[in-house]
C-alpha atoms as a PDB file:
ATOM      1  CA  MET A   1      13.724  11.571  23.679  1.00  0.00           C
ATOM      2  CA  GLU A   2      10.747  10.917  26.244  1.00  0.00           C
ATOM      3  CA  ILE A   3       7.554  12.352  25.108  1.00  0.00           C
ATOM      4  CA  LYS A   4       4.951  12.583  28.680  1.00  0.00           C
ATOM      5  CA  ILE A   5       1.561  12.315  27.356  1.00  0.00           C
ATOM      6  CA  GLY A   6      -1.038  13.892  29.606  1.00  0.00           C
ATOM      7  CA  PHE A   7      -4.942  12.218  28.972  1.00  0.00           C
ATOM      8  CA  ILE A   8      -8.631  14.035  28.984  1.00  0.00           C
ATOM      9  CA  GLY A   9     -10.876  11.563  28.588  1.00  0.00           C
ATOM     10  CA  CYS A  10     -10.438   8.616  29.985  1.00  0.00           C
ATOM     11  CA  GLY A  11     -13.273   6.357  28.219  1.00  0.00           C
ATOM     12  CA  GLY A  12     -12.928   3.079  26.475  1.00  0.00           C
ATOM     13  CA  ILE A  13     -11.383   5.141  23.385  1.00  0.00           C
ATOM     14  CA  GLY A  14      -8.980   6.799  25.551  1.00  0.00           C
ATOM     15  CA  LYS A  15      -7.847   3.658  27.543  1.00  0.00           C
ATOM     16  CA  ALA A  16      -7.881   1.942  23.891  1.00  0.00           C
ATOM     17  CA  HIS A  17      -4.761   4.325  23.050  1.00  0.00           C
ATOM     18  CA  MET A  18      -3.375   4.150  26.395  1.00  0.00           C
ATOM     19  CA  MET A  19      -2.914   0.389  25.871  1.00  0.00           C
ATOM     20  CA  ARG A  20      -1.036   0.649  22.140  1.00  0.00           C
ATOM     21  CA  LEU A  21       0.977   4.361  23.639  1.00  0.00           C
ATOM     22  CA  SER A  22       2.097   1.831  26.593  1.00  0.00           C
ATOM     23  CA  LYS A  23       4.304  -0.028  23.938  1.00  0.00           C
ATOM     24  CA  ILE A  24       5.764   2.624  21.814  1.00  0.00           C
ATOM     25  CA  GLU A  25       9.129   3.060  22.864  1.00  0.00           C
ATOM     26  CA  ASN A  26       9.890   6.439  24.932  1.00  0.00           C
ATOM     27  CA  VAL A  27       6.227   7.269  25.853  1.00  0.00           C
ATOM     28  CA  LYS A  28       5.352   8.342  29.246  1.00  0.00           C
ATOM     29  CA  LEU A  29       1.862   8.334  30.089  1.00  0.00           C
ATOM     30  CA  VAL A  30       1.719  11.353  33.029  1.00  0.00           C
ATOM     31  CA  ALA A  31      -1.176  12.467  33.625  1.00  0.00           C
ATOM     32  CA  PHE A  32      -4.755  11.648  33.452  1.00  0.00           C
ATOM     33  CA  CYS A  33      -8.548  14.072  33.641  1.00  0.00           C
ATOM     34  CA  ASP A  34     -11.830  13.300  33.407  1.00  0.00           C
ATOM     35  CA  LEU A  35     -14.932  14.054  35.197  1.00  0.00           C
ATOM     36  CA  GLU A  36     -16.065  10.925  36.821  1.00  0.00           C
ATOM     37  CA  GLU A  37     -12.602  10.817  38.922  1.00  0.00           C
ATOM     38  CA  ASN A  38     -12.548   6.749  39.301  1.00  0.00           C
ATOM     39  CA  LEU A  39     -11.839   6.824  35.923  1.00  0.00           C
ATOM     40  CA  ALA A  40      -9.008   9.034  35.774  1.00  0.00           C
ATOM     41  CA  LYS A  41      -7.350   7.161  39.041  1.00  0.00           C
ATOM     42  CA  GLU A  42      -8.274   3.954  37.925  1.00  0.00           C
ATOM     43  CA  CYS A  43      -6.066   5.098  34.496  1.00  0.00           C
ATOM     44  CA  ALA A  44      -3.219   6.775  36.844  1.00  0.00           C
ATOM     45  CA  ASN A  45      -2.939   3.851  39.010  1.00  0.00           C
ATOM     46  CA  LEU A  46      -2.712   1.521  35.824  1.00  0.00           C
ATOM     47  CA  TYR A  47       0.419   3.948  34.242  1.00  0.00           C
ATOM     48  CA  ASN A  48       1.892   5.791  37.421  1.00  0.00           C
ATOM     49  CA  GLY A  49       0.356   8.798  36.779  1.00  0.00           C
ATOM     50  CA  ASN A  50      -1.394  11.654  38.288  1.00  0.00           C
ATOM     51  CA  PRO A  51      -5.384  11.552  38.156  1.00  0.00           C
ATOM     52  CA  TYR A  52      -7.575  14.592  37.544  1.00  0.00           C
ATOM     53  CA  THR A  53     -10.940  16.197  37.073  1.00  0.00           C
ATOM     54  CA  ASP A  54      -9.889  19.642  35.860  1.00  0.00           C
ATOM     55  CA  PHE A  55      -7.956  19.435  32.187  1.00  0.00           C
ATOM     56  CA  ARG A  56      -6.401  22.957  33.074  1.00  0.00           C
ATOM     57  CA  ARG A  57      -5.295  21.797  36.525  1.00  0.00           C
ATOM     58  CA  MET A  58      -3.315  18.843  34.851  1.00  0.00           C
ATOM     59  CA  PHE A  59      -1.837  21.000  32.344  1.00  0.00           C
ATOM     60  CA  ASP A  60      -0.434  23.928  35.626  1.00  0.00           C
ATOM     61  CA  ASN A  61       1.199  20.996  37.761  1.00  0.00           C
ATOM     62  CA  GLU A  62       2.297  17.841  34.715  1.00  0.00           C
ATOM     63  CA  LYS A  63       5.153  18.804  32.065  1.00  0.00           C
ATOM     64  CA  ILE A  64       3.427  17.582  28.995  1.00  0.00           C
ATOM     65  CA  ASP A  65       5.383  17.122  25.335  1.00  0.00           C
ATOM     66  CA  ALA A  66       1.526  15.999  23.787  1.00  0.00           C
ATOM     67  CA  CYS A  67      -1.735  15.333  24.777  1.00  0.00           C
ATOM     68  CA  TYR A  68      -4.737  13.202  23.758  1.00  0.00           C
ATOM     69  CA  ILE A  69      -8.746  14.496  23.214  1.00  0.00           C
ATOM     70  CA  CYS A  70     -10.527  11.456  24.372  1.00  0.00           C
ATOM     71  CA  VAL A  71     -14.181  12.984  25.457  1.00  0.00           C
ATOM     72  CA  PRO A  72     -17.401  13.002  23.701  1.00  0.00           C
ATOM     73  CA  PRO A  73     -19.085  15.100  20.353  1.00  0.00           C
ATOM     74  CA  PHE A  74     -20.650  17.403  23.203  1.00  0.00           C
ATOM     75  CA  ALA A  75     -18.352  17.960  25.395  1.00  0.00           C
ATOM     76  CA  HIS A  76     -15.511  20.248  23.888  1.00  0.00           C
ATOM     77  CA  ILE A  77     -14.921  22.916  26.335  1.00  0.00           C
ATOM     78  CA  GLY A  78     -11.868  24.382  25.924  1.00  0.00           C
ATOM     79  CA  GLN A  79      -9.670  21.654  26.094  1.00  0.00           C
ATOM     80  CA  GLU A  80      -8.455  22.055  22.330  1.00  0.00           C
ATOM     81  CA  GLU A  81      -8.166  26.084  22.875  1.00  0.00           C
ATOM     82  CA  GLU A  82      -5.864  25.336  25.930  1.00  0.00           C
ATOM     83  CA  CYS A  83      -3.789  22.778  24.055  1.00  0.00           C
ATOM     84  CA  ILE A  84      -2.874  25.813  21.471  1.00  0.00           C
ATOM     85  CA  GLU A  85      -2.717  28.386  24.218  1.00  0.00           C
ATOM     86  CA  ARG A  86       0.195  26.696  25.755  1.00  0.00           C
ATOM     87  CA  ASN A  87       1.756  25.390  22.660  1.00  0.00           C
ATOM     88  CA  ILE A  88       0.494  21.139  23.199  1.00  0.00           C
ATOM     89  CA  PRO A  89       0.238  19.314  20.389  1.00  0.00           C
ATOM     90  CA  PHE A  90      -2.693  17.660  20.741  1.00  0.00           C
ATOM     91  CA  PHE A  91      -4.650  14.180  19.086  1.00  0.00           C
ATOM     92  CA  ILE A  92      -7.966  14.713  19.147  1.00  0.00           C
ATOM     93  CA  GLU A  93     -10.742  11.953  18.774  1.00  0.00           C
ATOM     94  CA  LYS A  94     -13.597  12.314  15.766  1.00  0.00           C
ATOM     95  CA  PRO A  95     -15.916  13.994  15.574  1.00  0.00           C
ATOM     96  CA  ILE A  96     -13.777  16.935  16.471  1.00  0.00           C
ATOM     97  CA  HIS A  97     -17.021  19.423  17.387  1.00  0.00           C
ATOM     98  CA  LEU A  98     -20.567  19.723  16.854  1.00  0.00           C
ATOM     99  CA  ASP A  99     -20.024  23.370  16.263  1.00  0.00           C
ATOM    100  CA  LEU A 100     -18.815  23.809  12.865  1.00  0.00           C
ATOM    101  CA  ASN A 101     -18.054  27.768  13.330  1.00  0.00           C
ATOM    102  CA  LYS A 102     -15.948  27.084  16.508  1.00  0.00           C
ATOM    103  CA  ALA A 103     -14.144  23.994  14.993  1.00  0.00           C
ATOM    104  CA  LYS A 104     -13.422  26.652  12.028  1.00  0.00           C
ATOM    105  CA  GLU A 105     -12.005  29.244  14.848  1.00  0.00           C
ATOM    106  CA  ILE A 106      -9.721  26.105  16.631  1.00  0.00           C
ATOM    107  CA  ALA A 107      -8.408  25.530  12.915  1.00  0.00           C
ATOM    108  CA  LYS A 108      -7.252  28.588  12.613  1.00  0.00           C
ATOM    109  CA  LYS A 109      -5.222  29.152  15.824  1.00  0.00           C
ATOM    110  CA  ILE A 110      -4.003  25.954  15.233  1.00  0.00           C
ATOM    111  CA  GLU A 111      -2.779  26.916  11.707  1.00  0.00           C
ATOM    112  CA  GLU A 112      -1.629  30.604  12.937  1.00  0.00           C
ATOM    113  CA  LYS A 113       0.795  28.233  15.739  1.00  0.00           C
ATOM    114  CA  LYS A 114       1.870  25.615  12.926  1.00  0.00           C
ATOM    115  CA  LEU A 115       1.133  23.218  16.113  1.00  0.00           C
ATOM    116  CA  ILE A 116       0.946  19.365  15.353  1.00  0.00           C
ATOM    117  CA  THR A 117      -2.548  18.143  15.644  1.00  0.00           C
ATOM    118  CA  SER A 118      -3.427  14.488  14.487  1.00  0.00           C
ATOM    119  CA  VAL A 119      -7.365  13.369  14.296  1.00  0.00           C
ATOM    120  CA  GLY A 120      -8.920   9.584  14.872  1.00  0.00           C
ATOM    121  CA  TYR A 121      -9.529   8.799  11.108  1.00  0.00           C
ATOM    122  CA  VAL A 122      -7.860   5.083  12.270  1.00  0.00           C
ATOM    123  CA  LEU A 123      -8.802   3.614   8.868  1.00  0.00           C
ATOM    124  CA  ARG A 124      -6.596   5.880   7.248  1.00  0.00           C
ATOM    125  CA  TYR A 125      -3.590   3.804   8.647  1.00  0.00           C
ATOM    126  CA  PHE A 126      -4.489   0.464   6.853  1.00  0.00           C
ATOM    127  CA  ASP A 127      -2.036  -0.271   4.998  1.00  0.00           C
ATOM    128  CA  ILE A 128      -4.581  -1.561   2.113  1.00  0.00           C
ATOM    129  CA  VAL A 129      -5.975   1.355   2.247  1.00  0.00           C
ATOM    130  CA  GLU A 130      -2.681   2.851   1.008  1.00  0.00           C
ATOM    131  CA  GLN A 131      -2.433  -0.073  -1.431  1.00  0.00           C
ATOM    132  CA  LEU A 132      -6.368   0.656  -2.914  1.00  0.00           C
ATOM    133  CA  LYS A 133      -5.942   4.606  -3.180  1.00  0.00           C
ATOM    134  CA  GLU A 134      -3.159   3.878  -5.129  1.00  0.00           C
ATOM    135  CA  LYS A 135      -5.245   1.095  -7.514  1.00  0.00           C
ATOM    136  CA  THR A 136      -7.707   2.999  -7.830  1.00  0.00           C
ATOM    137  CA  LYS A 137      -5.712   6.243  -9.070  1.00  0.00           C
ATOM    138  CA  GLU A 138      -4.909   3.858 -11.888  1.00  0.00           C
ATOM    139  CA  GLU A 139      -8.743   3.181 -13.301  1.00  0.00           C
ATOM    140  CA  LYS A 140     -11.339   5.894 -14.526  1.00  0.00           C
ATOM    141  CA  ILE A 141     -13.824   5.956 -11.324  1.00  0.00           C
ATOM    142  CA  GLY A 142     -16.887   7.925 -11.377  1.00  0.00           C
ATOM    143  CA  LEU A 143     -19.200   6.201  -8.495  1.00  0.00           C
ATOM    144  CA  VAL A 144     -18.634   5.167  -4.903  1.00  0.00           C
ATOM    145  CA  ARG A 145     -20.857   3.487  -2.208  1.00  0.00           C
ATOM    146  CA  GLY A 146     -20.754   3.471   1.572  1.00  0.00           C
ATOM    147  CA  LYS A 147     -22.739   1.794   4.395  1.00  0.00           C
ATOM    148  CA  TYR A 148     -22.076   1.931   7.962  1.00  0.00           C
ATOM    149  CA  TYR A 149     -25.116  -0.549   9.377  1.00  0.00           C
ATOM    150  CA  GLY A 150     -25.212  -0.937  13.773  1.00  0.00           C
ATOM    151  CA  GLU A 151     -26.970  -1.352  16.485  1.00  0.00           C
ATOM    152  CA  VAL A 152     -28.692   0.930  18.816  1.00  0.00           C
ATOM    153  CA  PRO A 153     -25.239   1.201  20.769  1.00  0.00           C
ATOM    154  CA  GLY A 154     -25.037   0.194  24.591  1.00  0.00           C
ATOM    155  CA  GLU A 155     -29.106  -0.962  23.334  1.00  0.00           C
ATOM    156  CA  GLY A 156     -29.793   2.735  24.720  1.00  0.00           C
ATOM    157  CA  LYS A 157     -28.692   2.443  27.839  1.00  0.00           C
ATOM    158  CA  LYS A 158     -25.204   5.085  26.814  1.00  0.00           C
ATOM    159  CA  LEU A 159     -27.493   8.425  27.294  1.00  0.00           C
ATOM    160  CA  TRP A 160     -25.125  10.551  24.969  1.00  0.00           C
ATOM    161  CA  ILE A 161     -24.918   8.890  22.049  1.00  0.00           C
ATOM    162  CA  ILE A 162     -28.669   8.403  21.388  1.00  0.00           C
ATOM    163  CA  ARG A 163     -28.794  12.226  21.896  1.00  0.00           C
ATOM    164  CA  LYS A 164     -28.871  14.801  19.207  1.00  0.00           C
ATOM    165  CA  ASP A 165     -27.602  17.722  21.487  1.00  0.00           C
ATOM    166  CA  MET A 166     -24.781  14.896  22.565  1.00  0.00           C
ATOM    167  CA  SER A 167     -23.626  13.189  19.396  1.00  0.00           C
ATOM    168  CA  GLY A 168     -25.224  14.840  16.535  1.00  0.00           C
ATOM    169  CA  GLY A 169     -26.763  11.486  15.509  1.00  0.00           C
ATOM    170  CA  GLN A 170     -24.863   8.284  13.729  1.00  0.00           C
ATOM    171  CA  LEU A 171     -24.089   9.880  10.997  1.00  0.00           C
ATOM    172  CA  ILE A 172     -21.830  12.552  12.544  1.00  0.00           C
ATOM    173  CA  GLU A 173     -20.132   9.972  15.267  1.00  0.00           C
ATOM    174  CA  GLN A 174     -19.649   6.461  13.940  1.00  0.00           C
ATOM    175  CA  ALA A 175     -20.620   7.059  10.130  1.00  0.00           C
ATOM    176  CA  THR A 176     -17.922   9.716   9.902  1.00  0.00           C
ATOM    177  CA  HIS A 177     -15.217   6.863   9.458  1.00  0.00           C
ATOM    178  CA  ILE A 178     -17.154   6.513   6.294  1.00  0.00           C
ATOM    179  CA  VAL A 179     -17.232   9.695   5.722  1.00  0.00           C
ATOM    180  CA  ASP A 180     -14.063  10.676   5.875  1.00  0.00           C
ATOM    181  CA  LEU A 181     -12.371   7.238   3.627  1.00  0.00           C
ATOM    182  CA  MET A 182     -14.666   8.055   0.883  1.00  0.00           C
ATOM    183  CA  ARG A 183     -12.892  11.245   1.130  1.00  0.00           C
ATOM    184  CA  TYR A 184      -9.355   9.997   1.651  1.00  0.00           C
ATOM    185  CA  LEU A 185      -9.823   7.286  -1.355  1.00  0.00           C
ATOM    186  CA  CYS A 186     -11.842   9.625  -3.988  1.00  0.00           C
ATOM    187  CA  GLY A 187     -11.342  13.156  -3.647  1.00  0.00           C
ATOM    188  CA  GLU A 188     -12.724  16.048  -1.512  1.00  0.00           C
ATOM    189  CA  ILE A 189     -16.266  16.899  -1.430  1.00  0.00           C
ATOM    190  CA  GLU A 190     -18.679  19.801  -2.852  1.00  0.00           C
ATOM    191  CA  GLU A 191     -21.949  18.927  -2.546  1.00  0.00           C
ATOM    192  CA  VAL A 192     -24.273  16.540  -0.071  1.00  0.00           C
ATOM    193  CA  PHE A 193     -28.447  16.118   0.222  1.00  0.00           C
ATOM    194  CA  ALA A 194     -29.491  13.544   2.537  1.00  0.00           C
ATOM    195  CA  TYR A 195     -32.824  12.120   3.541  1.00  0.00           C
ATOM    196  CA  LYS A 196     -33.330  10.425   7.064  1.00  0.00           C
ATOM    197  CA  PHE A 197     -35.889   8.266   8.796  1.00  0.00           C
ATOM    198  CA  GLU A 198     -37.098   8.067  12.135  1.00  0.00           C
ATOM    199  CA  GLY A 199     -39.922   6.696  14.046  1.00  0.00           C
ATOM    200  CA  ILE A 200     -39.356   2.829  15.099  1.00  0.00           C
ATOM    201  CA  ASN A 201     -36.510   3.703  17.801  1.00  0.00           C
ATOM    202  CA  ASN A 202     -37.461   6.557  19.253  1.00  0.00           C
ATOM    203  CA  LYS A 203     -40.682   4.156  20.891  1.00  0.00           C
ATOM    204  CA  ILE A 204     -38.231   1.515  22.283  1.00  0.00           C
ATOM    205  CA  TYR A 205     -35.722   3.906  24.238  1.00  0.00           C
ATOM    206  CA  PRO A 206     -37.206   7.095  25.784  1.00  0.00           C
ATOM    207  CA  GLU A 207     -34.397   9.215  25.797  1.00  0.00           C
ATOM    208  CA  TYR A 208     -33.577   8.548  21.555  1.00  0.00           C
ATOM    209  CA  ASN A 209     -34.077  11.333  19.405  1.00  0.00           C
ATOM    210  CA  VAL A 210     -31.985  10.585  16.534  1.00  0.00           C
ATOM    211  CA  GLU A 211     -32.899   9.147  13.218  1.00  0.00           C
ATOM    212  CA  ASP A 212     -33.136   5.740  12.598  1.00  0.00           C
ATOM    213  CA  ALA A 213     -31.169   5.562   9.185  1.00  0.00           C
ATOM    214  CA  LEU A 214     -29.781   8.291   7.190  1.00  0.00           C
ATOM    215  CA  THR A 215     -29.204   8.547   3.243  1.00  0.00           C
ATOM    216  CA  LEU A 216     -26.293  10.605   2.276  1.00  0.00           C
ATOM    217  CA  THR A 217     -26.069  12.254  -1.513  1.00  0.00           C
ATOM    218  CA  MET A 218     -22.298  13.465  -2.531  1.00  0.00           C
ATOM    219  CA  LYS A 219     -20.995  15.394  -5.315  1.00  0.00           C
ATOM    220  CA  PHE A 220     -17.144  15.354  -5.622  1.00  0.00           C
ATOM    221  CA  LYS A 221     -14.873  18.069  -7.320  1.00  0.00           C
ATOM    222  CA  ASN A 222     -13.748  15.953  -9.586  1.00  0.00           C
ATOM    223  CA  GLY A 223     -17.125  14.846 -10.862  1.00  0.00           C
ATOM    224  CA  ILE A 224     -17.605  11.421  -9.107  1.00  0.00           C
ATOM    225  CA  ILE A 225     -20.914  10.952  -7.464  1.00  0.00           C
ATOM    226  CA  GLY A 226     -21.176   9.384  -4.407  1.00  0.00           C
ATOM    227  CA  ASN A 227     -23.545   7.883  -1.480  1.00  0.00           C
ATOM    228  CA  LEU A 228     -23.547   6.589   1.997  1.00  0.00           C
ATOM    229  CA  SER A 229     -26.337   4.683   4.130  1.00  0.00           C
ATOM    230  CA  CYS A 230     -26.049   4.090   7.879  1.00  0.00           C
ATOM    231  CA  THR A 231     -28.926   2.718  10.267  1.00  0.00           C
ATOM    232  CA  TRP A 232     -29.789   1.697  13.840  1.00  0.00           C
ATOM    233  CA  LEU A 233     -32.037  -0.600  12.838  1.00  0.00           C
ATOM    234  CA  TRP A 234     -29.500  -3.463  12.625  1.00  0.00           C
ATOM    235  CA  LYS A 235     -28.826  -6.140  14.741  1.00  0.00           C
ATOM    236  CA  GLY A 236     -24.699  -6.384  15.052  1.00  0.00           C
ATOM    237  CA  TYR A 237     -22.361  -3.762  12.602  1.00  0.00           C
ATOM    238  CA  ASP A 238     -21.797  -3.617   8.792  1.00  0.00           C
ATOM    239  CA  SER A 239     -19.560  -1.707   7.204  1.00  0.00           C
ATOM    240  CA  GLU A 240     -18.178  -0.907   3.957  1.00  0.00           C
ATOM    241  CA  ILE A 241     -17.138   1.125   0.559  1.00  0.00           C
ATOM    242  CA  GLU A 242     -17.475  -0.149  -3.004  1.00  0.00           C
ATOM    243  CA  ILE A 243     -15.737   2.330  -5.528  1.00  0.00           C
ATOM    244  CA  ILE A 244     -16.627   1.915  -9.345  1.00  0.00           C
ATOM    245  CA  GLY A 245     -14.467   2.769 -12.503  1.00  0.00           C
ATOM    246  CA  LYS A 246     -15.024   1.289 -15.460  1.00  0.00           C
ATOM    247  CA  ASN A 247     -14.844  -2.513 -16.010  1.00  0.00           C
ATOM    248  CA  VAL A 248     -13.585  -2.796 -12.090  1.00  0.00           C
ATOM    249  CA  LEU A 249     -15.524  -2.961  -8.685  1.00  0.00           C
ATOM    250  CA  PHE A 250     -12.838  -1.890  -5.679  1.00  0.00           C
ATOM    251  CA  THR A 251     -14.277  -3.125  -2.001  1.00  0.00           C
ATOM    252  CA  TYR A 252     -12.989  -2.337   0.967  1.00  0.00           C
ATOM    253  CA  LYS A 253     -14.450  -3.682   4.362  1.00  0.00           C
ATOM    254  CA  GLY A 254     -12.389  -4.276   7.771  1.00  0.00           C
ATOM    255  CA  ASN A 255      -9.439  -5.635   7.370  1.00  0.00           C
ATOM    256  CA  GLY A 256      -9.617  -6.722   3.658  1.00  0.00           C
ATOM    257  CA  ILE A 257      -9.577  -5.109  -0.129  1.00  0.00           C
ATOM    258  CA  THR A 258     -10.898  -6.909  -2.990  1.00  0.00           C
ATOM    259  CA  ILE A 259     -10.231  -6.043  -6.717  1.00  0.00           C
ATOM    260  CA  ASN A 260     -12.880  -7.137  -8.993  1.00  0.00           C
ATOM    261  CA  LYS A 261     -12.342  -7.172 -12.871  1.00  0.00           C
ATOM    262  CA  GLY A 262     -15.089  -9.699 -13.516  1.00  0.00           C
ATOM    263  CA  SER A 263     -12.656 -12.090 -15.026  1.00  0.00           C
ATOM    264  CA  LYS A 264      -9.957 -11.364 -12.549  1.00  0.00           C
ATOM    265  CA  VAL A 265     -10.893 -11.379  -8.589  1.00  0.00           C
ATOM    266  CA  GLU A 266      -7.828 -10.121  -6.158  1.00  0.00           C
ATOM    267  CA  HIS A 267      -8.254  -9.855  -2.199  1.00  0.00           C
ATOM    268  CA  TYR A 268      -5.718  -8.664   0.359  1.00  0.00           C
ATOM    269  CA  PHE A 269      -6.084  -8.655   3.697  1.00  0.00           C
ATOM    270  CA  SER A 270      -3.958  -6.424   6.807  1.00  0.00           C
ATOM    271  CA  LYS A 271      -2.320  -7.728   9.824  1.00  0.00           C
ATOM    272  CA  ILE A 272      -1.504  -4.003  11.123  1.00  0.00           C
ATOM    273  CA  ASP A 273      -3.261  -2.662  14.385  1.00  0.00           C
ATOM    274  CA  PRO A 274      -4.171   0.366  12.465  1.00  0.00           C
ATOM    275  CA  MET A 275      -4.730   2.282  15.579  1.00  0.00           C
ATOM    276  CA  TYR A 276      -1.091   1.664  17.022  1.00  0.00           C
ATOM    277  CA  GLU A 277      -0.097   3.092  13.874  1.00  0.00           C
ATOM    278  CA  GLU A 278      -1.863   6.098  13.933  1.00  0.00           C
ATOM    279  CA  ASP A 279      -0.339   6.409  17.631  1.00  0.00           C
ATOM    280  CA  VAL A 280       3.144   5.924  16.109  1.00  0.00           C
ATOM    281  CA  ALA A 281       2.721   8.435  13.673  1.00  0.00           C
ATOM    282  CA  PHE A 282       1.569  11.069  16.478  1.00  0.00           C
ATOM    283  CA  ILE A 283       4.569  10.045  18.706  1.00  0.00           C
ATOM    284  CA  LYS A 284       7.071  10.728  15.348  1.00  0.00           C
ATOM    285  CA  SER A 285       5.805  13.869  14.288  1.00  0.00           C
ATOM    286  CA  VAL A 286       6.413  14.911  17.827  1.00  0.00           C
ATOM    287  CA  LYS A 287       9.476  14.122  18.065  1.00  0.00           C
ATOM    288  CA  GLU A 288      10.482  15.590  15.077  1.00  0.00           C
ATOM    289  CA  ASN A 289       7.903  18.544  14.971  1.00  0.00           C
ATOM    290  CA  ASN A 290       7.051  17.370  11.782  1.00  0.00           C
ATOM    291  CA  PRO A 291       3.710  16.570  10.232  1.00  0.00           C
ATOM    292  CA  LYS A 292       4.190  14.373   7.813  1.00  0.00           C
ATOM    293  CA  TYR A 293       3.113  11.245   9.358  1.00  0.00           C
ATOM    294  CA  ILE A 294       0.175  12.028  10.145  1.00  0.00           C
ATOM    295  CA  LYS A 295      -2.691  11.164   7.672  1.00  0.00           C
ATOM    296  CA  SER A 296      -6.091  13.531   8.638  1.00  0.00           C
ATOM    297  CA  ASN A 297      -5.130  16.799  10.563  1.00  0.00           C
ATOM    298  CA  TYR A 298      -7.216  19.155  12.394  1.00  0.00           C
ATOM    299  CA  ASN A 299      -8.216  20.661   9.913  1.00  0.00           C
ATOM    300  CA  ASP A 300      -8.400  18.087   7.648  1.00  0.00           C
ATOM    301  CA  GLY A 301     -10.627  16.840   9.963  1.00  0.00           C
ATOM    302  CA  LEU A 302     -12.867  19.731   9.402  1.00  0.00           C
ATOM    303  CA  LYS A 303     -13.209  18.659   6.521  1.00  0.00           C
ATOM    304  CA  THR A 304     -14.897  15.341   7.057  1.00  0.00           C
ATOM    305  CA  LEU A 305     -17.124  17.358   9.630  1.00  0.00           C
ATOM    306  CA  GLU A 306     -18.615  19.812   7.235  1.00  0.00           C
ATOM    307  CA  VAL A 307     -19.925  16.919   5.372  1.00  0.00           C
ATOM    308  CA  THR A 308     -21.702  15.538   8.015  1.00  0.00           C
ATOM    309  CA  LEU A 309     -23.108  18.755   9.802  1.00  0.00           C
ATOM    310  CA  LYS A 310     -24.044  19.754   6.572  1.00  0.00           C
ATOM    311  CA  GLY A 311     -25.227  16.532   5.341  1.00  0.00           C
ATOM    312  CA  HIS A 312     -28.057  17.294   8.425  1.00  0.00           C
ATOM    313  CA  GLU A 313     -28.834  20.768   7.333  1.00  0.00           C
ATOM    314  CA  SER A 314     -29.607  20.013   3.764  1.00  0.00           C
ATOM    315  CA  ILE A 315     -31.977  17.256   5.870  1.00  0.00           C
ATOM    316  CA  GLU A 316     -33.676  20.295   7.767  1.00  0.00           C
ATOM    317  CA  LYS A 317     -33.435  22.811   4.309  1.00  0.00           C
ATOM    318  CA  ASN A 318     -34.837  19.977   2.086  1.00  0.00           C
ATOM    319  CA  GLN A 319     -32.510  21.021  -0.573  1.00  0.00           C
ATOM    320  CA  PRO A 320     -28.442  20.210  -1.709  1.00  0.00           C
ATOM    321  CA  ILE A 321     -25.629  22.207   0.415  1.00  0.00           C
ATOM    322  CA  LYS A 322     -22.730  23.343  -0.749  1.00  0.00           C
ATOM    323  CA  ILE A 323     -19.341  22.341   0.890  1.00  0.00           C
ATOM    324  CA  THR A 324     -17.130  25.083   1.326  1.00  0.00           C
ATOM    325  CA  SER A 325     -13.910  24.120   3.415  1.00  0.00           C
END
């Protein structure tokens, strides 16, 4: 059974998925849509498909079995609703939206249609993450700590990502991966409280109007407490998660995990490509009309989105905010 794929968004993350999908048996990339016509044509030429600048026209003209939505956070303008209306399963990159209420409406429509969806929380597809998840179940966990340090993307020239109304900021657009993995490993979050720091980057980059650094404190439903710190003051990139239990420290970083029990330290490394595994899982689910291979669907991605959006709400209101989803 051949699965025909359409793409909405032909930038870097879209191309990363295209490259991997092209290696999966019985997958055909047939249509490519981007507001920048040159990007759509470039991908169409590479994979022998058709270019578009209007996703509705793409759907009208093409027979598509599944769609990849790889647009920036601000650019969700009905792509998901169109897929739902046409009963087209879709993969969507994180964050799934910037408007929580609209995301909830989309999630409700998906549930009504029982449509297969997948969200790009790629770290879940590491084999070592599954190993870590199983190992932590054996321990008495009380604290989780995350960090996501990076530099200003594109040296401030990548306009959409440094504008609050377009990306939401680092927590929502990038550190969302760490928030999601903390949820996946430690359970659902019921309350958040956050602080921000600003005043350095906006004096260097004229269009910059998001925070320079942010610390998010989380209370989990199972009683675990946690925090995440993220910043664009660093030069380079560094992220990790620490999970602390009685006489044990688990660390996830890059493609490796460490289990430290004081007298014994174990290291495990992964050699798999988690994005390829993520794409394989989505395609397999579409082929079989069975979502069991997908580790984060739209409704699950909504939960991570709410944590990050309400982190910012906490900053604005200077008070803890409950998570409802």
